[in-house]
Amino acid sequence: MRSSPTIDRDDLVLHTRHRVNALHHAVRPSTWLDALRLNAADTSTAAALRVGVAVAVVLVIGGLAGQYSVAGIASLGAIVSAFCRPDPYRVRMPRLVFVAVMLWTSVAVGGLLAVLHAPIAVQIVVMALLGGVGALVVAALHLVGPGAVVMVFAANAALGSVADWRGLVTAMVSVMIGTAVGFVAAIAPWIWVQVARAFGRDVTLVEPAAGVAYDSIARSLVRVTDRRHLELAGRVVVASALAAGVAVALGLQHPMWAAMGALAALVGVQYHNSVRRGVQRLLGNVGGAAIAAVLLMIPLGFWWSVVFVVIFQTIAEIMAPRNYGITSLVVTPMALLMTALGAGLSSGVALTRVFDTFVGVVIGIVIAAVTITRDDRVGDPSRS
């Protein structure tokens, strides 16, 4: 039996009203003030320091080897240590290997686009699909950490630095070395305990989330077919492609940053979380761009750039659970300095990043509002 046209019309009106309320929520002063709030979180300074040490080790190795152009890509591999921090070590290990493979794949994809001289339209589509697949897998496996945006950033770094097949191989080897260092840093306490026990010392290993049941990677991957995860992936693909396309149409030089802005804004489970993260990313990028502009005007050189990258990375890991805006404040100059390690950047590129990010965040929020679901509406504060 077909539903009444009146009921269908009423449902359409109700859904449209929710979409309008969602967009209105994005521009409320209370929403922007909420973005400045610090969340209460049990942050592990030791874990954050291990991420910083992993990045430092990789950059120092790259610098001593004279491989300045790929040191930044290698350091992205070391960020694998920022994933799965709440997981028990035996659960964390295979998950970190899986994340490492995702990073290798991302660098390979970006490098292939560069070597094959893919047109910008192809780059946008491939990067959008990469972001969507990354978001889908991260959500299905419940991978805690920087998220799929790191995958797109790694691919974009390879796209901008690889010139030929030899360069692609070098980039792949570099990111593999980086992930190996990051893996060791992430499980360093477990390694230390095993070595101590081998020498007869009675040492107790403090396990995160002890007693919590975890699914295997294979079983977790079955969840990629869940409607909620597929909807998120679809949003990411559409928003990333649209953001990058608009950036190209506006003549912006780095459209993939717009794609990453859209992706970062869409990772919230609920709509109001997406808006909060979007606002935090935008505010953080504005402040971070100012910091980056000052640093890029100074002839830092490789080693001072390494110092600032490590400091920013460590602060980002400490603040990530507390406020994404502060995280973005330090991630922005860190990302630009990483990029500058392989190719010189002017201070003007920091301002360009703000414009690109603004385009991405706005489009990400609009896509989230237009595609708002019933689950999203439950978490929409505009209803209260």
Foldseek 3Di string as FASTA:
>chain_A
DDDDPVVVVVVVVVLVVQLVLLVVCLPDPVLLVVQPFWDDDDADLLLLLLLLVLLLVLLVVCVVVVNLQQSLLLSLLLQLLQKPLLAFPVQSQVVSVVVLVLLLVLLLQLLVCQAVVPDPLVVQLVLLLQLLVQLLLCVLQVMDGPGSLSSSLSSPLSNVRHHHPVSSVVNSVSSNNSNVSNSCSNCVLVVVVVVCVVVPDDDDRDTRPPPDDHDHSVVSNVCSPPPLSNVLSVLLSVLLSVLLVVCVVVVQDCSNLLSSLLSQLSSDSALSSSSSRSSLLLLLLVLLLVVLLVVLVDCCPSPSLSVLLSVLSSVLSRRVNTHNNVNNNSVNSNSVSSSCSNPRDHSVVSVSSSVSSVSNSVSNSSSCSVPPDPVNSVVDPSVD
